[in-house]
Amino acid sequence: NLLQAQNNAQVSEAHLRIAMGALDIPVLNIPDVPVPTSATPCVIGSIVGDEKDDAAALKKLTDFALTSRPDLSQARMSVAQSETALSTAKVSARPQLNIDLNDRQQFDAKNNPLKRASEIQVFALGFSVPLYDGGNLRAAVKASEASLRGSVAQLDTQQQQVTVTVEQSWRSLQLARASLPAAEAAQKAAQINYDAAIAARQEGIGNITDVIQAQTSLVQAQINYVQAIYNFYTADAQLAQAVGLADRIV
């Protein structure tokens, strides 16, 4: 188990170095992770604030994500672009009214260049109807309508996915925070049990089997506590990413 844990640590450090683009750094100086408490702030704390109601806090997070995530902004821009393309296609398929106004002036260059000899104003009004174009204009309108429906459907799908992701991440963070006290209490209880087994063995009223079992339980409790700390920080980062605050993860 120790060899496996050491190998996992080296592999994780290599993955972190690749993610950071720091392949030229031989060894990363990784500081100790502070143990989170009930007062440890989360990345999304600026959104939720002091809100105690679970439903209200979740609504704040969802509304923030729907307005702040760049992928949703891009999807809304695609819808607006499709609407503009449809409007243009419809205008092209309609009868066109053209108005043209020309003003032509002639000067007497020989006798008096500054004197205007004549002036001609032409006003033209044209009206064109696309009688036959092989169905291209109608097809363009239908294609633009289909593109708009696709953009709207894609936006709706993304919004639903974001809503679900935010709620799942929010529940995971709550569970991770609630699991920390239990994991810490279990580790303390396992430590007390192990100390008692050692003392009993020293007094001659215990056996080596009790000590080994207590030590195994203590190691497992320590592993569970470390995993609970990892779950908390991971859930915090995942929720920050879900609401569009991944750049504030520290």
C-alpha atoms as a PDB file:
ATOM      1  CA  ASN A   1       0.000   0.000   0.000  1.00  0.00           C
ATOM      2  CA  LEU A   2       2.839   2.368   0.771  1.00  0.00           C
ATOM      3  CA  LEU A   3       4.500   1.688  -2.561  1.00  0.00           C
ATOM      4  CA  GLN A   4       1.198   2.240  -4.349  1.00  0.00           C
ATOM      5  CA  ALA A   5       0.625   5.504  -2.479  1.00  0.00           C
ATOM      6  CA  GLN A   6       4.116   6.748  -3.345  1.00  0.00           C
ATOM      7  CA  ASN A   7       3.568   5.876  -7.004  1.00  0.00           C
ATOM      8  CA  ASN A   8       0.188   7.664  -7.010  1.00  0.00           C
ATOM      9  CA  ALA A   9       1.811  10.764  -5.537  1.00  0.00           C
ATOM     10  CA  GLN A  10       4.485  10.812  -8.251  1.00  0.00           C
ATOM     11  CA  VAL A  11       1.934  10.277 -11.019  1.00  0.00           C
ATOM     12  CA  SER A  12      -0.309  13.035  -9.636  1.00  0.00           C
ATOM     13  CA  GLU A  13       2.626  15.421  -9.476  1.00  0.00           C
ATOM     14  CA  ALA A  14       3.466  14.627 -13.094  1.00  0.00           C
ATOM     15  CA  HIS A  15      -0.126  15.303 -14.164  1.00  0.00           C
ATOM     16  CA  LEU A  16      -0.096  18.592 -12.252  1.00  0.00           C
ATOM     17  CA  ARG A  17       3.157  19.617 -13.920  1.00  0.00           C
ATOM     18  CA  ILE A  18       1.665  18.871 -17.349  1.00  0.00           C
ATOM     19  CA  ALA A  19      -1.521  20.797 -16.538  1.00  0.00           C
ATOM     20  CA  MET A  20       0.539  23.798 -15.446  1.00  0.00           C
ATOM     21  CA  GLY A  21       2.865  23.616 -18.428  1.00  0.00           C
ATOM     22  CA  ALA A  22       5.797  23.396 -16.024  1.00  0.00           C
ATOM     23  CA  LEU A  23       7.648  20.451 -17.521  1.00  0.00           C
ATOM     24  CA  ASP A  24      11.004  22.188 -17.011  1.00  0.00           C
ATOM     25  CA  ILE A  25      10.536  22.277 -13.218  1.00  0.00           C
ATOM     26  CA  PRO A  26      12.098  19.122 -11.780  1.00  0.00           C
ATOM     27  CA  VAL A  27      10.302  19.155  -8.420  1.00  0.00           C
ATOM     28  CA  LEU A  28       7.192  21.063  -7.433  1.00  0.00           C
ATOM     29  CA  ASN A  29       7.130  22.642  -3.998  1.00  0.00           C
ATOM     30  CA  ILE A  30       3.639  21.673  -2.872  1.00  0.00           C
ATOM     31  CA  PRO A  31       2.584  23.296   0.428  1.00  0.00           C
ATOM     32  CA  ASP A  32       0.530  21.554   3.061  1.00  0.00           C
ATOM     33  CA  VAL A  33      -3.212  21.667   2.522  1.00  0.00           C
ATOM     34  CA  PRO A  34      -5.025  23.496   5.334  1.00  0.00           C
ATOM     35  CA  VAL A  35      -7.717  21.460   7.018  1.00  0.00           C
ATOM     36  CA  PRO A  36     -11.085  23.045   6.161  1.00  0.00           C
ATOM     37  CA  THR A  37     -13.539  23.927   8.910  1.00  0.00           C
ATOM     38  CA  SER A  38     -17.112  25.123   8.995  1.00  0.00           C
ATOM     39  CA  ALA A  39     -15.781  28.674   8.600  1.00  0.00           C
ATOM     40  CA  THR A  40     -13.601  27.942   5.564  1.00  0.00           C
ATOM     41  CA  PRO A  41     -14.829  30.215   2.752  1.00  0.00           C
ATOM     42  CA  CYS A  42     -15.797  28.788  -0.627  1.00  0.00           C
ATOM     43  CA  VAL A  43     -15.193  30.295  -4.037  1.00  0.00           C
ATOM     44  CA  ILE A  44     -18.931  30.856  -4.511  1.00  0.00           C
ATOM     45  CA  GLY A  45     -19.238  32.632  -1.152  1.00  0.00           C
ATOM     46  CA  SER A  46     -19.439  36.003  -2.882  1.00  0.00           C
ATOM     47  CA  ILE A  47     -22.594  34.826  -4.671  1.00  0.00           C
ATOM     48  CA  VAL A  48     -24.402  33.045  -1.857  1.00  0.00           C
ATOM     49  CA  GLY A  49     -23.378  35.470   0.874  1.00  0.00           C
ATOM     50  CA  ASP A  50     -25.103  34.836   4.202  1.00  0.00           C
ATOM     51  CA  GLU A  51     -28.066  33.087   2.601  1.00  0.00           C
ATOM     52  CA  LYS A  52     -29.183  30.249   4.889  1.00  0.00           C
ATOM     53  CA  ASP A  53     -32.082  28.931   2.846  1.00  0.00           C
ATOM     54  CA  ASP A  54     -30.911  26.109   0.603  1.00  0.00           C
ATOM     55  CA  ALA A  55     -33.368  26.773  -2.208  1.00  0.00           C
ATOM     56  CA  ALA A  56     -32.615  30.508  -2.258  1.00  0.00           C
ATOM     57  CA  ALA A  57     -28.855  29.897  -2.310  1.00  0.00           C
ATOM     58  CA  LEU A  58     -29.203  27.406  -5.148  1.00  0.00           C
ATOM     59  CA  LYS A  59     -31.322  29.874  -7.132  1.00  0.00           C
ATOM     60  CA  LYS A  60     -28.657  32.562  -6.737  1.00  0.00           C
ATOM     61  CA  LEU A  61     -26.001  30.193  -8.016  1.00  0.00           C
ATOM     62  CA  THR A  62     -28.123  29.059 -10.956  1.00  0.00           C
ATOM     63  CA  ASP A  63     -29.050  32.600 -11.988  1.00  0.00           C
ATOM     64  CA  PHE A  64     -25.421  33.669 -11.772  1.00  0.00           C
ATOM     65  CA  ALA A  65     -24.295  30.716 -13.877  1.00  0.00           C
ATOM     66  CA  LEU A  66     -26.942  31.334 -16.554  1.00  0.00           C
ATOM     67  CA  THR A  67     -25.805  34.938 -16.976  1.00  0.00           C
ATOM     68  CA  SER A  68     -22.046  34.559 -16.482  1.00  0.00           C
ATOM     69  CA  ARG A  69     -20.918  31.373 -18.183  1.00  0.00           C
ATOM     70  CA  PRO A  70     -19.111  32.156 -21.454  1.00  0.00           C
ATOM     71  CA  ASP A  71     -20.477  29.104 -23.249  1.00  0.00           C
ATOM     72  CA  LEU A  72     -24.046  30.285 -22.630  1.00  0.00           C
ATOM     73  CA  SER A  73     -23.125  33.782 -23.824  1.00  0.00           C
ATOM     74  CA  GLN A  74     -21.776  32.262 -27.001  1.00  0.00           C
ATOM     75  CA  ALA A  75     -24.971  30.223 -27.443  1.00  0.00           C
ATOM     76  CA  ARG A  76     -27.099  33.366 -27.032  1.00  0.00           C
ATOM     77  CA  MET A  77     -24.961  35.137 -29.629  1.00  0.00           C
ATOM     78  CA  SER A  78     -25.570  32.230 -31.994  1.00  0.00           C
ATOM     79  CA  VAL A  79     -29.324  32.653 -31.510  1.00  0.00           C
ATOM     80  CA  ALA A  80     -29.063  36.390 -32.226  1.00  0.00           C
ATOM     81  CA  GLN A  81     -26.969  35.681 -35.322  1.00  0.00           C
ATOM     82  CA  SER A  82     -29.544  33.154 -36.549  1.00  0.00           C
ATOM     83  CA  GLU A  83     -32.349  35.670 -36.001  1.00  0.00           C
ATOM     84  CA  THR A  84     -30.475  38.266 -38.051  1.00  0.00           C
ATOM     85  CA  ALA A  85     -29.836  35.754 -40.830  1.00  0.00           C
ATOM     86  CA  LEU A  86     -33.537  34.846 -40.902  1.00  0.00           C
ATOM     87  CA  SER A  87     -34.584  38.500 -41.099  1.00  0.00           C
ATOM     88  CA  THR A  88     -32.160  39.062 -43.968  1.00  0.00           C
ATOM     89  CA  ALA A  89     -33.447  36.009 -45.822  1.00  0.00           C
ATOM     90  CA  LYS A  90     -37.051  37.143 -45.432  1.00  0.00           C
ATOM     91  CA  VAL A  91     -36.247  40.620 -46.718  1.00  0.00           C
ATOM     92  CA  SER A  92     -34.491  39.152 -49.749  1.00  0.00           C
ATOM     93  CA  ALA A  93     -37.527  37.002 -50.544  1.00  0.00           C
ATOM     94  CA  ARG A  94     -39.954  39.946 -50.504  1.00  0.00           C
ATOM     95  CA  PRO A  95     -40.677  42.414 -53.349  1.00  0.00           C
ATOM     96  CA  GLN A  96     -38.033  45.125 -53.418  1.00  0.00           C
ATOM     97  CA  LEU A  97     -38.768  48.835 -53.683  1.00  0.00           C
ATOM     98  CA  ASN A  98     -35.880  50.883 -55.052  1.00  0.00           C
ATOM     99  CA  ILE A  99     -35.706  54.677 -55.010  1.00  0.00           C
ATOM    100  CA  ASP A 100     -33.015  56.520 -56.952  1.00  0.00           C
ATOM    101  CA  LEU A 101     -32.509  60.300 -57.088  1.00  0.00           C
ATOM    102  CA  ASN A 102     -29.876  61.815 -59.383  1.00  0.00           C
ATOM    103  CA  ASP A 103     -28.925  65.462 -59.741  1.00  0.00           C
ATOM    104  CA  ARG A 104     -26.778  66.364 -62.758  1.00  0.00           C
ATOM    105  CA  GLN A 105     -25.490  69.870 -63.345  1.00  0.00           C
ATOM    106  CA  GLN A 106     -23.748  71.277 -66.416  1.00  0.00           C
ATOM    107  CA  PHE A 107     -21.499  74.352 -66.531  1.00  0.00           C
ATOM    108  CA  ASP A 108     -20.400  76.571 -69.387  1.00  0.00           C
ATOM    109  CA  ALA A 109     -16.692  75.840 -69.305  1.00  0.00           C
ATOM    110  CA  LYS A 110     -15.973  78.047 -72.343  1.00  0.00           C
ATOM    111  CA  ASN A 111     -17.653  81.329 -71.494  1.00  0.00           C
ATOM    112  CA  ASN A 112     -18.154  81.237 -67.731  1.00  0.00           C
ATOM    113  CA  PRO A 113     -16.954  78.169 -65.842  1.00  0.00           C
ATOM    114  CA  LEU A 114     -18.689  79.337 -62.654  1.00  0.00           C
ATOM    115  CA  LYS A 115     -22.073  79.754 -64.261  1.00  0.00           C
ATOM    116  CA  ARG A 116     -24.372  76.798 -64.260  1.00  0.00           C
ATOM    117  CA  ALA A 117     -25.733  76.208 -67.734  1.00  0.00           C
ATOM    118  CA  SER A 118     -28.316  73.579 -66.947  1.00  0.00           C
ATOM    119  CA  GLU A 119     -29.487  71.253 -64.206  1.00  0.00           C
ATOM    120  CA  ILE A 120     -31.136  67.897 -64.623  1.00  0.00           C
ATOM    121  CA  GLN A 121     -32.789  66.029 -61.742  1.00  0.00           C
ATOM    122  CA  VAL A 122     -33.900  62.483 -62.227  1.00  0.00           C
ATOM    123  CA  PHE A 123     -36.116  60.656 -59.757  1.00  0.00           C
ATOM    124  CA  ALA A 124     -36.547  56.926 -60.381  1.00  0.00           C
ATOM    125  CA  LEU A 125     -38.830  54.568 -58.505  1.00  0.00           C
ATOM    126  CA  GLY A 126     -38.409  50.869 -59.110  1.00  0.00           C
ATOM    127  CA  PHE A 127     -40.326  47.835 -57.912  1.00  0.00           C
ATOM    128  CA  SER A 128     -38.978  44.309 -58.382  1.00  0.00           C
ATOM    129  CA  VAL A 129     -40.680  41.020 -57.657  1.00  0.00           C
ATOM    130  CA  PRO A 130     -38.747  37.718 -57.602  1.00  0.00           C
ATOM    131  CA  LEU A 131     -41.015  35.751 -59.948  1.00  0.00           C
ATOM    132  CA  TYR A 132     -38.784  32.741 -60.438  1.00  0.00           C
ATOM    133  CA  ASP A 133     -35.463  31.978 -58.804  1.00  0.00           C
ATOM    134  CA  GLY A 134     -35.603  28.213 -58.685  1.00  0.00           C
ATOM    135  CA  GLY A 135     -36.859  28.284 -55.100  1.00  0.00           C
ATOM    136  CA  ASN A 136     -33.559  29.602 -53.773  1.00  0.00           C
ATOM    137  CA  LEU A 137     -35.057  32.439 -51.755  1.00  0.00           C
ATOM    138  CA  ARG A 138     -37.737  30.285 -50.152  1.00  0.00           C
ATOM    139  CA  ALA A 139     -35.157  27.607 -49.413  1.00  0.00           C
ATOM    140  CA  ALA A 140     -32.905  30.213 -47.817  1.00  0.00           C
ATOM    141  CA  VAL A 141     -35.754  31.331 -45.554  1.00  0.00           C
ATOM    142  CA  LYS A 142     -36.535  27.756 -44.519  1.00  0.00           C
ATOM    143  CA  ALA A 143     -32.868  27.040 -43.904  1.00  0.00           C
ATOM    144  CA  SER A 144     -32.568  30.151 -41.727  1.00  0.00           C
ATOM    145  CA  GLU A 145     -35.677  29.152 -39.781  1.00  0.00           C
ATOM    146  CA  ALA A 146     -34.254  25.687 -39.196  1.00  0.00           C
ATOM    147  CA  SER A 147     -30.929  27.168 -38.118  1.00  0.00           C
ATOM    148  CA  LEU A 148     -32.706  29.448 -35.661  1.00  0.00           C
ATOM    149  CA  ARG A 149     -34.687  26.562 -34.188  1.00  0.00           C
ATOM    150  CA  GLY A 150     -31.458  24.607 -33.812  1.00  0.00           C
ATOM    151  CA  SER A 151     -29.712  27.500 -32.070  1.00  0.00           C
ATOM    152  CA  VAL A 152     -32.618  28.005 -29.681  1.00  0.00           C
ATOM    153  CA  ALA A 153     -32.788  24.283 -28.910  1.00  0.00           C
ATOM    154  CA  GLN A 154     -29.050  24.166 -28.288  1.00  0.00           C
ATOM    155  CA  LEU A 155     -29.290  27.148 -25.937  1.00  0.00           C
ATOM    156  CA  ASP A 156     -32.154  25.531 -24.023  1.00  0.00           C
ATOM    157  CA  THR A 157     -30.205  22.271 -23.735  1.00  0.00           C
ATOM    158  CA  GLN A 158     -27.100  24.032 -22.464  1.00  0.00           C
ATOM    159  CA  GLN A 159     -29.104  26.002 -19.916  1.00  0.00           C
ATOM    160  CA  GLN A 160     -30.711  22.812 -18.626  1.00  0.00           C
ATOM    161  CA  GLN A 161     -27.338  21.109 -18.395  1.00  0.00           C
ATOM    162  CA  VAL A 162     -25.868  24.067 -16.521  1.00  0.00           C
ATOM    163  CA  THR A 163     -28.810  24.089 -14.103  1.00  0.00           C
ATOM    164  CA  VAL A 164     -28.379  20.391 -13.353  1.00  0.00           C
ATOM    165  CA  THR A 165     -24.591  20.682 -13.048  1.00  0.00           C
ATOM    166  CA  VAL A 166     -24.834  23.603 -10.635  1.00  0.00           C
ATOM    167  CA  GLU A 167     -27.298  21.763  -8.394  1.00  0.00           C
ATOM    168  CA  GLN A 168     -25.238  18.563  -8.408  1.00  0.00           C
ATOM    169  CA  SER A 169     -22.065  20.491  -7.587  1.00  0.00           C
ATOM    170  CA  TRP A 170     -23.861  22.414  -4.854  1.00  0.00           C
ATOM    171  CA  ARG A 171     -25.131  19.173  -3.264  1.00  0.00           C
ATOM    172  CA  SER A 172     -21.660  17.631  -3.502  1.00  0.00           C
ATOM    173  CA  LEU A 173     -20.113  20.621  -1.733  1.00  0.00           C
ATOM    174  CA  GLN A 174     -22.702  20.468   1.044  1.00  0.00           C
ATOM    175  CA  LEU A 175     -22.094  16.744   1.485  1.00  0.00           C
ATOM    176  CA  ALA A 176     -18.332  17.213   1.523  1.00  0.00           C
ATOM    177  CA  ARG A 177     -18.542  19.957   4.150  1.00  0.00           C
ATOM    178  CA  ALA A 178     -20.903  17.898   6.305  1.00  0.00           C
ATOM    179  CA  SER A 179     -18.626  14.843   6.055  1.00  0.00           C
ATOM    180  CA  LEU A 180     -15.593  16.636   7.476  1.00  0.00           C
ATOM    181  CA  PRO A 181     -16.657  16.658  11.163  1.00  0.00           C
ATOM    182  CA  ALA A 182     -17.679  13.006  10.977  1.00  0.00           C
ATOM    183  CA  ALA A 183     -14.374  11.981   9.417  1.00  0.00           C
ATOM    184  CA  GLU A 184     -12.429  13.984  11.972  1.00  0.00           C
ATOM    185  CA  ALA A 185     -14.400  12.487  14.860  1.00  0.00           C
ATOM    186  CA  ALA A 186     -13.850   8.974  13.496  1.00  0.00           C
ATOM    187  CA  GLN A 187     -10.108   9.603  13.278  1.00  0.00           C
ATOM    188  CA  LYS A 188      -9.963  10.834  16.879  1.00  0.00           C
ATOM    189  CA  ALA A 189     -11.990   7.840  18.067  1.00  0.00           C
ATOM    190  CA  ALA A 190      -9.689   5.447  16.199  1.00  0.00           C
ATOM    191  CA  GLN A 191      -6.652   7.146  17.748  1.00  0.00           C
ATOM    192  CA  ILE A 192      -8.118   6.737  21.243  1.00  0.00           C
ATOM    193  CA  ASN A 193      -8.907   3.095  20.529  1.00  0.00           C
ATOM    194  CA  TYR A 194      -5.377   2.489  19.283  1.00  0.00           C
ATOM    195  CA  ASP A 195      -3.815   4.189  22.324  1.00  0.00           C
ATOM    196  CA  ALA A 196      -6.015   2.069  24.580  1.00  0.00           C
ATOM    197  CA  ALA A 197      -4.953  -1.132  22.796  1.00  0.00           C
ATOM    198  CA  ILE A 198      -1.267  -0.183  23.183  1.00  0.00           C
ATOM    199  CA  ALA A 199      -1.755   0.560  26.898  1.00  0.00           C
ATOM    200  CA  ALA A 200      -3.602  -2.700  27.432  1.00  0.00           C
ATOM    201  CA  ARG A 201      -0.828  -4.596  25.692  1.00  0.00           C
ATOM    202  CA  GLN A 202       1.767  -2.937  27.890  1.00  0.00           C
ATOM    203  CA  GLU A 203      -0.199  -3.895  31.007  1.00  0.00           C
ATOM    204  CA  GLY A 204      -0.368  -7.480  29.853  1.00  0.00           C
ATOM    205  CA  ILE A 205      -4.167  -7.599  29.526  1.00  0.00           C
ATOM    206  CA  GLY A 206      -4.302  -7.208  25.752  1.00  0.00           C
ATOM    207  CA  ASN A 207      -2.933  -9.154  22.828  1.00  0.00           C
ATOM    208  CA  ILE A 208      -1.137  -8.282  19.638  1.00  0.00           C
ATOM    209  CA  THR A 209      -4.254  -8.989  17.550  1.00  0.00           C
ATOM    210  CA  ASP A 210      -6.147  -6.165  19.270  1.00  0.00           C
ATOM    211  CA  VAL A 211      -3.251  -3.792  18.624  1.00  0.00           C
ATOM    212  CA  ILE A 212      -3.083  -4.737  14.928  1.00  0.00           C
ATOM    213  CA  GLN A 213      -6.835  -4.334  14.508  1.00  0.00           C
ATOM    214  CA  ALA A 214      -6.783  -0.952  16.271  1.00  0.00           C
ATOM    215  CA  GLN A 215      -3.857   0.187  14.143  1.00  0.00           C
ATOM    216  CA  THR A 216      -5.619  -0.906  10.952  1.00  0.00           C
ATOM    217  CA  SER A 217      -8.765   0.989  11.980  1.00  0.00           C
ATOM    218  CA  LEU A 218      -6.688   4.080  12.761  1.00  0.00           C
ATOM    219  CA  VAL A 219      -4.944   4.042   9.379  1.00  0.00           C
ATOM    220  CA  GLN A 220      -8.277   3.613   7.611  1.00  0.00           C
ATOM    221  CA  ALA A 221      -9.787   6.498   9.578  1.00  0.00           C
ATOM    222  CA  GLN A 222      -6.811   8.692   8.671  1.00  0.00           C
ATOM    223  CA  ILE A 223      -7.248   7.797   4.999  1.00  0.00           C
ATOM    224  CA  ASN A 224     -10.954   8.604   5.188  1.00  0.00           C
ATOM    225  CA  TYR A 225     -10.198  11.977   6.785  1.00  0.00           C
ATOM    226  CA  VAL A 226      -7.682  12.891   4.071  1.00  0.00           C
ATOM    227  CA  GLN A 227     -10.218  11.812   1.443  1.00  0.00           C
ATOM    228  CA  ALA A 228     -12.873  14.021   3.084  1.00  0.00           C
ATOM    229  CA  ILE A 229     -10.546  17.025   2.877  1.00  0.00           C
ATOM    230  CA  TYR A 230      -9.824  16.249  -0.768  1.00  0.00           C
ATOM    231  CA  ASN A 231     -13.548  15.886  -1.499  1.00  0.00           C
ATOM    232  CA  PHE A 232     -14.260  19.308   0.000  1.00  0.00           C
ATOM    233  CA  TYR A 233     -11.712  21.218  -2.068  1.00  0.00           C
ATOM    234  CA  THR A 234     -12.618  19.263  -5.206  1.00  0.00           C
ATOM    235  CA  ALA A 235     -16.331  19.988  -4.740  1.00  0.00           C
ATOM    236  CA  ASP A 236     -15.565  23.667  -4.179  1.00  0.00           C
ATOM    237  CA  ALA A 237     -13.545  23.822  -7.423  1.00  0.00           C
ATOM    238  CA  GLN A 238     -16.201  21.931  -9.394  1.00  0.00           C
ATOM    239  CA  LEU A 239     -18.944  24.266  -8.214  1.00  0.00           C
ATOM    240  CA  ALA A 240     -16.827  27.302  -9.072  1.00  0.00           C
ATOM    241  CA  GLN A 241     -16.354  25.916 -12.562  1.00  0.00           C
ATOM    242  CA  ALA A 242     -20.085  25.143 -12.871  1.00  0.00           C
ATOM    243  CA  VAL A 243     -21.102  28.747 -12.133  1.00  0.00           C
ATOM    244  CA  GLY A 244     -18.369  30.285 -14.305  1.00  0.00           C
ATOM    245  CA  LEU A 245     -15.854  31.276 -11.607  1.00  0.00           C
ATOM    246  CA  ALA A 246     -13.083  28.854 -12.465  1.00  0.00           C
ATOM    247  CA  ASP A 247     -10.597  31.743 -12.720  1.00  0.00           C
ATOM    248  CA  ARG A 248     -11.104  32.485  -9.002  1.00  0.00           C
ATOM    249  CA  ILE A 249     -10.118  29.041  -7.786  1.00  0.00           C
ATOM    250  CA  VAL A 250      -7.182  29.361  -5.400  1.00  0.00           C
END
